[in-house]
Amino acid sequence: MRTGIVTEPLPAEVEEEIKSVGTKLEDVIRRRFSRSLTIRQVDAGSCNGCELEIHAINNPIYNCERFGIHFTASPRFADMLLVTGPVTRNMEIALRRTYISTPPPKLVVAVGDCGCNGGIFGESYASLGGIDKVIPVDVYIPGCPPTPVALLHGILKAVGNK
């Protein structure tokens, strides 16, 4: 209580872009799903940089829930898989099972450079590379890590594609 507000508001231009993308997202989600978009986030072996940005879109500043986007812990209730990191060999089976458990029509979004093509980890004894080496990907969101606005644009692209 003595500290006061420690977060800073977003710059006006970023806030306007978020509102613009969010309004488009909300319209597409309502038309396509007749409800909210439910996302299951999967870390396939990342450094957690992308996860921090994904958590940011769900915080009070970006507040993706106002646009009808919700996160779930179960792939059985998900409309979209948001996958980060290169697929490590020990996560390959878990990622495949998550994909199989997601009901159709399912969308898969590869997040970050590592999710898109393996990033700095590439393919090695421990890494299979990008997400598309294991499951089909609908949309790629490059960046290391991508910004919350880029994530919202990527989600809009994925929802608008099908």
C-alpha atoms as a PDB file:
ATOM      1  CA  MET A   1       0.000   0.000   0.000  1.00  0.00           C
ATOM      2  CA  ARG A   2       2.862   2.401   0.705  1.00  0.00           C
ATOM      3  CA  THR A   3       4.603   1.721  -2.608  1.00  0.00           C
ATOM      4  CA  GLY A   4       1.760   2.869  -4.848  1.00  0.00           C
ATOM      5  CA  ILE A   5       1.379   1.948  -8.506  1.00  0.00           C
ATOM      6  CA  VAL A   6       4.581   0.430  -9.849  1.00  0.00           C
ATOM      7  CA  THR A   7       3.482  -0.391 -13.398  1.00  0.00           C
ATOM      8  CA  GLU A   8       3.662   2.206 -16.107  1.00  0.00           C
ATOM      9  CA  PRO A   9       0.881   2.701 -18.624  1.00  0.00           C
ATOM     10  CA  LEU A  10       1.561   1.715 -22.220  1.00  0.00           C
ATOM     11  CA  PRO A  11       2.468   4.455 -24.678  1.00  0.00           C
ATOM     12  CA  ALA A  12      -0.665   5.820 -26.376  1.00  0.00           C
ATOM     13  CA  GLU A  13       0.268   4.451 -29.832  1.00  0.00           C
ATOM     14  CA  VAL A  14       0.772   0.921 -28.457  1.00  0.00           C
ATOM     15  CA  GLU A  15      -2.523   1.095 -26.567  1.00  0.00           C
ATOM     16  CA  GLU A  16      -4.315   2.186 -29.761  1.00  0.00           C
ATOM     17  CA  GLU A  17      -2.735  -0.662 -31.759  1.00  0.00           C
ATOM     18  CA  ILE A  18      -3.771  -3.180 -29.110  1.00  0.00           C
ATOM     19  CA  LYS A  19      -7.332  -1.858 -29.139  1.00  0.00           C
ATOM     20  CA  SER A  20      -7.398  -1.973 -32.953  1.00  0.00           C
ATOM     21  CA  VAL A  21      -6.086  -5.553 -33.163  1.00  0.00           C
ATOM     22  CA  GLY A  22      -8.230  -6.591 -30.215  1.00  0.00           C
ATOM     23  CA  THR A  23     -11.418  -5.280 -31.782  1.00  0.00           C
ATOM     24  CA  LYS A  24     -10.677  -7.185 -35.004  1.00  0.00           C
ATOM     25  CA  LEU A  25      -9.843 -10.293 -32.967  1.00  0.00           C
ATOM     26  CA  GLU A  26     -13.055 -10.038 -30.983  1.00  0.00           C
ATOM     27  CA  ASP A  27     -15.136  -9.750 -34.176  1.00  0.00           C
ATOM     28  CA  VAL A  28     -13.455 -12.730 -35.845  1.00  0.00           C
ATOM     29  CA  ILE A  29     -13.645 -14.850 -32.683  1.00  0.00           C
ATOM     30  CA  ARG A  30     -17.357 -14.136 -32.239  1.00  0.00           C
ATOM     31  CA  ARG A  31     -18.091 -14.958 -35.902  1.00  0.00           C
ATOM     32  CA  ARG A  32     -15.969 -18.097 -36.044  1.00  0.00           C
ATOM     33  CA  PHE A  33     -16.406 -19.588 -32.585  1.00  0.00           C
ATOM     34  CA  SER A  34     -19.667 -17.950 -31.425  1.00  0.00           C
ATOM     35  CA  ARG A  35     -17.947 -17.590 -28.059  1.00  0.00           C
ATOM     36  CA  SER A  36     -14.405 -17.095 -26.802  1.00  0.00           C
ATOM     37  CA  LEU A  37     -11.167 -18.497 -28.194  1.00  0.00           C
ATOM     38  CA  THR A  38      -9.560 -20.985 -25.815  1.00  0.00           C
ATOM     39  CA  ILE A  39      -5.790 -21.399 -26.053  1.00  0.00           C
ATOM     40  CA  ARG A  40      -3.525 -24.110 -24.658  1.00  0.00           C
ATOM     41  CA  GLN A  41       0.045 -22.857 -24.393  1.00  0.00           C
ATOM     42  CA  VAL A  42       2.747 -25.523 -24.746  1.00  0.00           C
ATOM     43  CA  ASP A  43       6.428 -25.040 -23.914  1.00  0.00           C
ATOM     44  CA  ALA A  44       8.250 -27.544 -26.110  1.00  0.00           C
ATOM     45  CA  GLY A  45      11.689 -26.636 -24.745  1.00  0.00           C
ATOM     46  CA  SER A  46      12.088 -22.868 -24.826  1.00  0.00           C
ATOM     47  CA  CYS A  47      14.185 -20.491 -22.746  1.00  0.00           C
ATOM     48  CA  ASN A  48      10.918 -18.964 -21.340  1.00  0.00           C
ATOM     49  CA  GLY A  49      11.355 -15.605 -23.089  1.00  0.00           C
ATOM     50  CA  CYS A  50       8.271 -16.242 -25.238  1.00  0.00           C
ATOM     51  CA  GLU A  51       6.304 -17.439 -22.219  1.00  0.00           C
ATOM     52  CA  LEU A  52       6.925 -14.125 -20.478  1.00  0.00           C
ATOM     53  CA  GLU A  53       5.408 -12.302 -23.460  1.00  0.00           C
ATOM     54  CA  ILE A  54       2.468 -14.727 -23.582  1.00  0.00           C
ATOM     55  CA  HIS A  55       1.855 -14.091 -19.894  1.00  0.00           C
ATOM     56  CA  ALA A  56       2.030 -10.372 -20.646  1.00  0.00           C
ATOM     57  CA  ILE A  57      -0.920 -10.519 -23.066  1.00  0.00           C
ATOM     58  CA  ASN A  58      -2.950 -11.980 -20.210  1.00  0.00           C
ATOM     59  CA  ASN A  59      -1.917  -9.395 -17.606  1.00  0.00           C
ATOM     60  CA  PRO A  60      -4.021  -6.345 -16.629  1.00  0.00           C
ATOM     61  CA  ILE A  61      -2.170  -4.057 -19.038  1.00  0.00           C
ATOM     62  CA  TYR A  62      -2.804  -6.011 -22.267  1.00  0.00           C
ATOM     63  CA  ASN A  63      -5.786  -7.956 -20.890  1.00  0.00           C
ATOM     64  CA  CYS A  64      -6.529 -10.334 -23.784  1.00  0.00           C
ATOM     65  CA  GLU A  65      -9.633 -11.598 -21.975  1.00  0.00           C
ATOM     66  CA  ARG A  66     -11.447  -8.393 -22.891  1.00  0.00           C
ATOM     67  CA  PHE A  67     -11.215  -9.589 -26.518  1.00  0.00           C
ATOM     68  CA  GLY A  68     -12.559 -13.082 -25.768  1.00  0.00           C
ATOM     69  CA  ILE A  69      -9.245 -14.956 -25.452  1.00  0.00           C
ATOM     70  CA  HIS A  70      -8.886 -17.409 -22.585  1.00  0.00           C
ATOM     71  CA  PHE A  71      -6.152 -19.872 -21.629  1.00  0.00           C
ATOM     72  CA  THR A  72      -6.853 -23.440 -20.525  1.00  0.00           C
ATOM     73  CA  ALA A  73      -4.768 -26.114 -18.837  1.00  0.00           C
ATOM     74  CA  SER A  74      -6.301 -28.920 -20.893  1.00  0.00           C
ATOM     75  CA  PRO A  75      -5.858 -29.454 -24.623  1.00  0.00           C
ATOM     76  CA  ARG A  76      -9.285 -31.149 -24.662  1.00  0.00           C
ATOM     77  CA  PHE A  77     -10.945 -27.742 -24.268  1.00  0.00           C
ATOM     78  CA  ALA A  78      -8.596 -25.803 -26.555  1.00  0.00           C
ATOM     79  CA  ASP A  79      -9.288 -24.287 -29.947  1.00  0.00           C
ATOM     80  CA  MET A  80      -5.657 -23.302 -30.478  1.00  0.00           C
ATOM     81  CA  LEU A  81      -2.220 -24.523 -29.454  1.00  0.00           C
ATOM     82  CA  LEU A  82       0.325 -21.754 -28.870  1.00  0.00           C
ATOM     83  CA  VAL A  83       3.670 -23.586 -28.967  1.00  0.00           C
ATOM     84  CA  THR A  84       7.022 -22.088 -27.973  1.00  0.00           C
ATOM     85  CA  GLY A  85      10.613 -23.241 -28.223  1.00  0.00           C
ATOM     86  CA  PRO A  86      12.385 -25.785 -30.340  1.00  0.00           C
ATOM     87  CA  VAL A  87      10.967 -29.238 -29.809  1.00  0.00           C
ATOM     88  CA  THR A  88      13.346 -31.030 -27.494  1.00  0.00           C
ATOM     89  CA  ARG A  89      13.585 -34.775 -27.945  1.00  0.00           C
ATOM     90  CA  ASN A  90      12.005 -35.414 -24.543  1.00  0.00           C
ATOM     91  CA  MET A  91       8.982 -33.198 -25.442  1.00  0.00           C
ATOM     92  CA  GLU A  92       8.241 -34.739 -28.853  1.00  0.00           C
ATOM     93  CA  ILE A  93       5.780 -37.368 -27.597  1.00  0.00           C
ATOM     94  CA  ALA A  94       4.089 -34.929 -25.194  1.00  0.00           C
ATOM     95  CA  LEU A  95       3.609 -32.401 -28.016  1.00  0.00           C
ATOM     96  CA  ARG A  96       2.152 -35.046 -30.338  1.00  0.00           C
ATOM     97  CA  ARG A  97      -0.233 -36.231 -27.601  1.00  0.00           C
ATOM     98  CA  THR A  98      -1.310 -32.657 -26.895  1.00  0.00           C
ATOM     99  CA  TYR A  99      -1.986 -32.114 -30.606  1.00  0.00           C
ATOM    100  CA  ILE A 100      -3.981 -35.350 -30.851  1.00  0.00           C
ATOM    101  CA  SER A 101      -5.967 -34.449 -27.710  1.00  0.00           C
ATOM    102  CA  THR A 102      -7.017 -31.073 -29.120  1.00  0.00           C
ATOM    103  CA  PRO A 103     -10.411 -31.368 -30.809  1.00  0.00           C
ATOM    104  CA  PRO A 104     -10.793 -30.370 -34.452  1.00  0.00           C
ATOM    105  CA  PRO A 105     -10.756 -27.858 -35.958  1.00  0.00           C
ATOM    106  CA  LYS A 106      -7.490 -27.125 -34.203  1.00  0.00           C
ATOM    107  CA  LEU A 107      -5.133 -24.251 -34.879  1.00  0.00           C
ATOM    108  CA  VAL A 108      -1.405 -24.418 -34.187  1.00  0.00           C
ATOM    109  CA  VAL A 109       0.704 -21.289 -33.818  1.00  0.00           C
ATOM    110  CA  ALA A 110       4.506 -21.509 -33.591  1.00  0.00           C
ATOM    111  CA  VAL A 111       5.784 -18.704 -31.362  1.00  0.00           C
ATOM    112  CA  GLY A 112       9.262 -17.169 -31.505  1.00  0.00           C
ATOM    113  CA  ASP A 113      12.253 -17.903 -33.684  1.00  0.00           C
ATOM    114  CA  CYS A 114      12.815 -21.214 -31.916  1.00  0.00           C
ATOM    115  CA  GLY A 115       9.255 -22.348 -32.554  1.00  0.00           C
ATOM    116  CA  CYS A 116       9.469 -21.267 -36.189  1.00  0.00           C
ATOM    117  CA  ASN A 117      12.781 -22.861 -37.175  1.00  0.00           C
ATOM    118  CA  GLY A 118      14.691 -23.985 -34.094  1.00  0.00           C
ATOM    119  CA  GLY A 119      16.274 -20.557 -33.522  1.00  0.00           C
ATOM    120  CA  ILE A 120      19.704 -20.542 -31.944  1.00  0.00           C
ATOM    121  CA  PHE A 121      19.226 -24.150 -30.836  1.00  0.00           C
ATOM    122  CA  GLY A 122      18.573 -25.482 -34.361  1.00  0.00           C
ATOM    123  CA  GLU A 123      18.655 -29.233 -34.783  1.00  0.00           C
ATOM    124  CA  SER A 124      20.998 -31.208 -32.570  1.00  0.00           C
ATOM    125  CA  TYR A 125      21.268 -34.270 -30.373  1.00  0.00           C
ATOM    126  CA  ALA A 126      18.830 -32.581 -27.960  1.00  0.00           C
ATOM    127  CA  SER A 127      16.565 -30.598 -30.321  1.00  0.00           C
ATOM    128  CA  LEU A 128      14.434 -31.566 -33.291  1.00  0.00           C
ATOM    129  CA  GLY A 129      14.151 -27.953 -34.480  1.00  0.00           C
ATOM    130  CA  GLY A 130      10.953 -26.022 -35.191  1.00  0.00           C
ATOM    131  CA  ILE A 131       7.439 -27.068 -34.248  1.00  0.00           C
ATOM    132  CA  ASP A 132       6.605 -28.087 -37.835  1.00  0.00           C
ATOM    133  CA  LYS A 133       9.071 -30.976 -37.555  1.00  0.00           C
ATOM    134  CA  VAL A 134       6.589 -32.648 -35.180  1.00  0.00           C
ATOM    135  CA  ILE A 135       3.073 -31.265 -35.824  1.00  0.00           C
ATOM    136  CA  PRO A 136       1.503 -29.164 -38.610  1.00  0.00           C
ATOM    137  CA  VAL A 137       1.678 -25.395 -38.042  1.00  0.00           C
ATOM    138  CA  ASP A 138      -0.914 -22.894 -39.277  1.00  0.00           C
ATOM    139  CA  VAL A 139       0.816 -19.602 -38.395  1.00  0.00           C
ATOM    140  CA  TYR A 140       4.354 -18.583 -37.470  1.00  0.00           C
ATOM    141  CA  ILE A 141       5.088 -15.619 -35.173  1.00  0.00           C
ATOM    142  CA  PRO A 142       8.799 -14.771 -35.466  1.00  0.00           C
ATOM    143  CA  GLY A 143      10.770 -12.810 -32.902  1.00  0.00           C
ATOM    144  CA  CYS A 144      13.097 -13.450 -30.024  1.00  0.00           C
ATOM    145  CA  PRO A 145      10.788 -13.034 -28.227  1.00  0.00           C
ATOM    146  CA  PRO A 146       7.832 -11.605 -30.160  1.00  0.00           C
ATOM    147  CA  THR A 147       6.101  -8.628 -28.562  1.00  0.00           C
ATOM    148  CA  PRO A 148       2.619  -8.965 -27.075  1.00  0.00           C
ATOM    149  CA  VAL A 149       1.255  -6.958 -30.016  1.00  0.00           C
ATOM    150  CA  ALA A 150       2.946  -9.367 -32.465  1.00  0.00           C
ATOM    151  CA  LEU A 151       1.362 -12.267 -30.568  1.00  0.00           C
ATOM    152  CA  LEU A 152      -2.087 -10.707 -30.900  1.00  0.00           C
ATOM    153  CA  HIS A 153      -1.490 -10.123 -34.638  1.00  0.00           C
ATOM    154  CA  GLY A 154      -0.430 -13.761 -35.040  1.00  0.00           C
ATOM    155  CA  ILE A 155      -3.470 -15.039 -33.188  1.00  0.00           C
ATOM    156  CA  LEU A 156      -5.673 -12.831 -35.388  1.00  0.00           C
ATOM    157  CA  LYS A 157      -3.992 -14.224 -38.494  1.00  0.00           C
ATOM    158  CA  ALA A 158      -4.520 -17.808 -37.308  1.00  0.00           C
ATOM    159  CA  VAL A 159      -8.179 -17.284 -36.435  1.00  0.00           C
ATOM    160  CA  GLY A 160      -8.853 -15.392 -39.664  1.00  0.00           C
ATOM    161  CA  ASN A 161      -7.161 -17.980 -41.913  1.00  0.00           C
ATOM    162  CA  LYS A 162      -9.588 -20.848 -41.479  1.00  0.00           C
END
